[in-house]
Amino acid sequence: AAVRLLDAAVYTIWADSTLKSKRQLWARCMNWLTRERLPLTADNCVRFVCATGVPIQAQLTYANSLSGALAKTSIANQPLRSFRAALRAAGAKLPKNPAPSITRAEMEEFVQVLVQRRDWRAALCSMIAWKTGSRWW
């Protein structure tokens, strides 16, 4: 009964374009729960996410998807919410490979192009953003 309720909730919260990829995760979770002979609970969804062995960023994505579906049902969702918070605290939201910072010469060249196009506002905003951002690195 919980599976049908959750399946109905999934259809109401996910758009058609998103449903296909989310449905694959949902199917993997349900297959894992069946194979392990575990009921559908938030605790067991956390166990599934941990058992996948994917990087921490993907674990957060999986936990977000499953939490969103469980939130629409009567199934207690607190363990997944706590797990998501722990993943974020562990750095799951940090990019693996941050973009390289732009040098002063590259920034000045970019601003020159904007000035030539008479896009003063974009030139000023870009320079301020670069100046502010460069102080943090």
C-alpha atoms as a PDB file:
ATOM      1  CA  ALA A   1       0.000   0.000   0.000  1.00  0.00           C
ATOM      2  CA  ALA A   2       2.849   2.380   0.834  1.00  0.00           C
ATOM      3  CA  VAL A   3       4.456   1.654  -2.514  1.00  0.00           C
ATOM      4  CA  ARG A   4       1.299   2.599  -4.430  1.00  0.00           C
ATOM      5  CA  LEU A   5       0.902   5.758  -2.327  1.00  0.00           C
ATOM      6  CA  LEU A   6       4.490   6.749  -2.992  1.00  0.00           C
ATOM      7  CA  ASP A   7       4.189   5.939  -6.691  1.00  0.00           C
ATOM      8  CA  ALA A   8       1.139   8.234  -6.922  1.00  0.00           C
ATOM      9  CA  ALA A   9       3.021  10.980  -5.076  1.00  0.00           C
ATOM     10  CA  VAL A  10       5.959  10.696  -7.458  1.00  0.00           C
ATOM     11  CA  TYR A  11       3.725  11.336 -10.444  1.00  0.00           C
ATOM     12  CA  THR A  12       2.299  14.492  -8.872  1.00  0.00           C
ATOM     13  CA  ILE A  13       5.621  16.118  -7.921  1.00  0.00           C
ATOM     14  CA  TRP A  14       7.850  15.288 -10.893  1.00  0.00           C
ATOM     15  CA  ALA A  15       7.465  16.653 -14.397  1.00  0.00           C
ATOM     16  CA  ASP A  16       7.542  14.258 -17.349  1.00  0.00           C
ATOM     17  CA  SER A  17      11.077  15.278 -18.290  1.00  0.00           C
ATOM     18  CA  THR A  18      12.323  14.555 -14.770  1.00  0.00           C
ATOM     19  CA  LEU A  19      10.207  11.483 -14.171  1.00  0.00           C
ATOM     20  CA  LYS A  20      12.302   9.147 -16.322  1.00  0.00           C
ATOM     21  CA  SER A  21      15.577   9.669 -14.456  1.00  0.00           C
ATOM     22  CA  LYS A  22      13.869   9.786 -11.063  1.00  0.00           C
ATOM     23  CA  ARG A  23      11.934   6.629 -11.843  1.00  0.00           C
ATOM     24  CA  GLN A  24      15.202   4.763 -12.460  1.00  0.00           C
ATOM     25  CA  LEU A  25      16.451   5.727  -8.997  1.00  0.00           C
ATOM     26  CA  TRP A  26      13.099   4.799  -7.490  1.00  0.00           C
ATOM     27  CA  ALA A  27      13.215   1.390  -9.250  1.00  0.00           C
ATOM     28  CA  ARG A  28      16.772   0.783  -8.025  1.00  0.00           C
ATOM     29  CA  CYS A  29      15.713   1.626  -4.471  1.00  0.00           C
ATOM     30  CA  MET A  30      12.654  -0.625  -4.601  1.00  0.00           C
ATOM     31  CA  ASN A  31      14.680  -3.499  -6.106  1.00  0.00           C
ATOM     32  CA  TRP A  32      17.300  -3.122  -3.386  1.00  0.00           C
ATOM     33  CA  LEU A  33      14.657  -3.063  -0.645  1.00  0.00           C
ATOM     34  CA  THR A  34      13.039  -6.179  -2.100  1.00  0.00           C
ATOM     35  CA  ARG A  35      16.368  -7.991  -2.429  1.00  0.00           C
ATOM     36  CA  GLU A  36      17.311  -7.103   1.149  1.00  0.00           C
ATOM     37  CA  ARG A  37      13.764  -7.920   2.374  1.00  0.00           C
ATOM     38  CA  LEU A  38      13.361  -4.514   3.971  1.00  0.00           C
ATOM     39  CA  PRO A  39      10.184  -2.416   4.228  1.00  0.00           C
ATOM     40  CA  LEU A  40       9.878   1.005   2.646  1.00  0.00           C
ATOM     41  CA  THR A  41      10.968   3.452   5.353  1.00  0.00           C
ATOM     42  CA  ALA A  42      13.149   6.540   5.404  1.00  0.00           C
ATOM     43  CA  ASP A  43      15.786   4.628   7.395  1.00  0.00           C
ATOM     44  CA  ASN A  44      15.962   1.971   4.713  1.00  0.00           C
ATOM     45  CA  CYS A  45      16.148   4.632   1.999  1.00  0.00           C
ATOM     46  CA  VAL A  46      19.204   6.017   3.803  1.00  0.00           C
ATOM     47  CA  ARG A  47      20.664   2.498   3.876  1.00  0.00           C
ATOM     48  CA  PHE A  48      20.036   2.192   0.142  1.00  0.00           C
ATOM     49  CA  VAL A  49      21.781   5.488  -0.636  1.00  0.00           C
ATOM     50  CA  CYS A  50      24.792   4.430   1.447  1.00  0.00           C
ATOM     51  CA  ALA A  51      24.869   1.010  -0.220  1.00  0.00           C
ATOM     52  CA  THR A  52      25.090   2.479  -3.719  1.00  0.00           C
ATOM     53  CA  GLY A  53      28.745   3.384  -3.223  1.00  0.00           C
ATOM     54  CA  VAL A  54      28.466   6.550  -5.321  1.00  0.00           C
ATOM     55  CA  PRO A  55      30.390   9.759  -4.483  1.00  0.00           C
ATOM     56  CA  ILE A  56      29.040  12.031  -1.777  1.00  0.00           C
ATOM     57  CA  GLN A  57      27.596  14.517  -4.295  1.00  0.00           C
ATOM     58  CA  ALA A  58      25.539  11.776  -5.943  1.00  0.00           C
ATOM     59  CA  GLN A  59      24.423  10.512  -2.537  1.00  0.00           C
ATOM     60  CA  LEU A  60      23.014  13.961  -1.813  1.00  0.00           C
ATOM     61  CA  THR A  61      21.170  13.952  -5.145  1.00  0.00           C
ATOM     62  CA  TYR A  62      19.727  10.499  -4.420  1.00  0.00           C
ATOM     63  CA  ALA A  63      18.719  11.507  -0.897  1.00  0.00           C
ATOM     64  CA  ASN A  64      17.066  14.689  -2.182  1.00  0.00           C
ATOM     65  CA  SER A  65      15.037  12.725  -4.734  1.00  0.00           C
ATOM     66  CA  LEU A  66      13.894  10.069  -2.298  1.00  0.00           C
ATOM     67  CA  SER A  67      13.158  12.641   0.390  1.00  0.00           C
ATOM     68  CA  GLY A  68      11.025  14.658  -1.999  1.00  0.00           C
ATOM     69  CA  ALA A  69       8.924  11.608  -2.781  1.00  0.00           C
ATOM     70  CA  LEU A  70       8.585  10.472   0.832  1.00  0.00           C
ATOM     71  CA  ALA A  71       7.628  13.982   1.937  1.00  0.00           C
ATOM     72  CA  LYS A  72       4.435  13.671  -0.097  1.00  0.00           C
ATOM     73  CA  THR A  73       3.375  10.498   1.706  1.00  0.00           C
ATOM     74  CA  SER A  74       2.562   9.546   5.286  1.00  0.00           C
ATOM     75  CA  ILE A  75       5.959   7.839   5.653  1.00  0.00           C
ATOM     76  CA  ALA A  76       8.172   9.502   8.293  1.00  0.00           C
ATOM     77  CA  ASN A  77      10.908  11.436   6.501  1.00  0.00           C
ATOM     78  CA  GLN A  78      13.138  12.707   9.328  1.00  0.00           C
ATOM     79  CA  PRO A  79      15.998  10.194   8.844  1.00  0.00           C
ATOM     80  CA  LEU A  80      16.409  11.237   5.200  1.00  0.00           C
ATOM     81  CA  ARG A  81      16.302  14.921   6.106  1.00  0.00           C
ATOM     82  CA  SER A  82      18.978  14.385   8.751  1.00  0.00           C
ATOM     83  CA  PHE A  83      21.062  12.356   6.301  1.00  0.00           C
ATOM     84  CA  ARG A  84      20.822  15.158   3.723  1.00  0.00           C
ATOM     85  CA  ALA A  85      21.971  17.696   6.323  1.00  0.00           C
ATOM     86  CA  ALA A  86      24.913  15.447   7.230  1.00  0.00           C
ATOM     87  CA  LEU A  87      25.906  15.104   3.568  1.00  0.00           C
ATOM     88  CA  ARG A  88      25.792  18.873   3.107  1.00  0.00           C
ATOM     89  CA  ALA A  89      27.891  19.354   6.252  1.00  0.00           C
ATOM     90  CA  ALA A  90      30.389  16.824   4.898  1.00  0.00           C
ATOM     91  CA  GLY A  91      30.848  18.947   1.795  1.00  0.00           C
ATOM     92  CA  ALA A  92      28.513  17.348  -0.726  1.00  0.00           C
ATOM     93  CA  LYS A  93      27.503  20.774  -2.048  1.00  0.00           C
ATOM     94  CA  LEU A  94      31.105  21.756  -2.757  1.00  0.00           C
ATOM     95  CA  PRO A  95      32.112  21.378  -6.394  1.00  0.00           C
ATOM     96  CA  LYS A  96      34.644  18.653  -7.088  1.00  0.00           C
ATOM     97  CA  ASN A  97      36.628  20.769  -9.497  1.00  0.00           C
ATOM     98  CA  PRO A  98      36.123  24.487  -8.917  1.00  0.00           C
ATOM     99  CA  ALA A  99      36.445  26.724 -11.933  1.00  0.00           C
ATOM    100  CA  PRO A 100      39.873  28.301 -12.315  1.00  0.00           C
ATOM    101  CA  SER A 101      39.998  31.902 -11.231  1.00  0.00           C
ATOM    102  CA  ILE A 102      40.385  34.570 -13.874  1.00  0.00           C
ATOM    103  CA  THR A 103      43.601  36.606 -13.874  1.00  0.00           C
ATOM    104  CA  ARG A 104      43.677  40.389 -13.704  1.00  0.00           C
ATOM    105  CA  ALA A 105      44.863  40.589 -17.341  1.00  0.00           C
ATOM    106  CA  GLU A 106      41.971  38.363 -18.495  1.00  0.00           C
ATOM    107  CA  MET A 107      39.508  40.459 -16.513  1.00  0.00           C
ATOM    108  CA  GLU A 108      40.816  43.712 -17.980  1.00  0.00           C
ATOM    109  CA  GLU A 109      40.537  42.257 -21.490  1.00  0.00           C
ATOM    110  CA  PHE A 110      36.950  41.193 -20.785  1.00  0.00           C
ATOM    111  CA  VAL A 111      36.053  44.630 -19.410  1.00  0.00           C
ATOM    112  CA  GLN A 112      37.609  46.295 -22.483  1.00  0.00           C
ATOM    113  CA  VAL A 113      35.318  44.286 -24.740  1.00  0.00           C
ATOM    114  CA  LEU A 114      32.316  45.385 -22.679  1.00  0.00           C
ATOM    115  CA  VAL A 115      33.444  49.023 -22.800  1.00  0.00           C
ATOM    116  CA  GLN A 116      33.848  48.842 -26.588  1.00  0.00           C
ATOM    117  CA  ARG A 117      30.275  47.592 -26.774  1.00  0.00           C
ATOM    118  CA  ARG A 118      29.265  50.509 -24.536  1.00  0.00           C
ATOM    119  CA  ASP A 119      27.916  48.133 -21.930  1.00  0.00           C
ATOM    120  CA  TRP A 120      29.038  50.247 -18.991  1.00  0.00           C
ATOM    121  CA  ARG A 121      26.809  48.592 -16.436  1.00  0.00           C
ATOM    122  CA  ALA A 122      28.068  45.087 -17.250  1.00  0.00           C
ATOM    123  CA  ALA A 123      31.660  46.301 -17.252  1.00  0.00           C
ATOM    124  CA  LEU A 124      31.298  47.922 -13.847  1.00  0.00           C
ATOM    125  CA  CYS A 125      29.434  44.977 -12.316  1.00  0.00           C
ATOM    126  CA  SER A 126      31.960  42.504 -13.704  1.00  0.00           C
ATOM    127  CA  MET A 127      34.893  44.470 -12.347  1.00  0.00           C
ATOM    128  CA  ILE A 128      33.298  44.820  -8.895  1.00  0.00           C
ATOM    129  CA  ALA A 129      32.392  41.125  -8.785  1.00  0.00           C
ATOM    130  CA  TRP A 130      35.913  40.104  -9.812  1.00  0.00           C
ATOM    131  CA  LYS A 131      37.507  42.468  -7.305  1.00  0.00           C
ATOM    132  CA  THR A 132      35.284  41.201  -4.485  1.00  0.00           C
ATOM    133  CA  GLY A 133      35.704  37.546  -5.433  1.00  0.00           C
ATOM    134  CA  SER A 134      39.459  37.776  -5.808  1.00  0.00           C
ATOM    135  CA  ARG A 135      39.771  38.863  -2.167  1.00  0.00           C
ATOM    136  CA  TRP A 136      38.339  35.545  -1.004  1.00  0.00           C
ATOM    137  CA  TRP A 137      40.878  33.421  -2.845  1.00  0.00           C
END
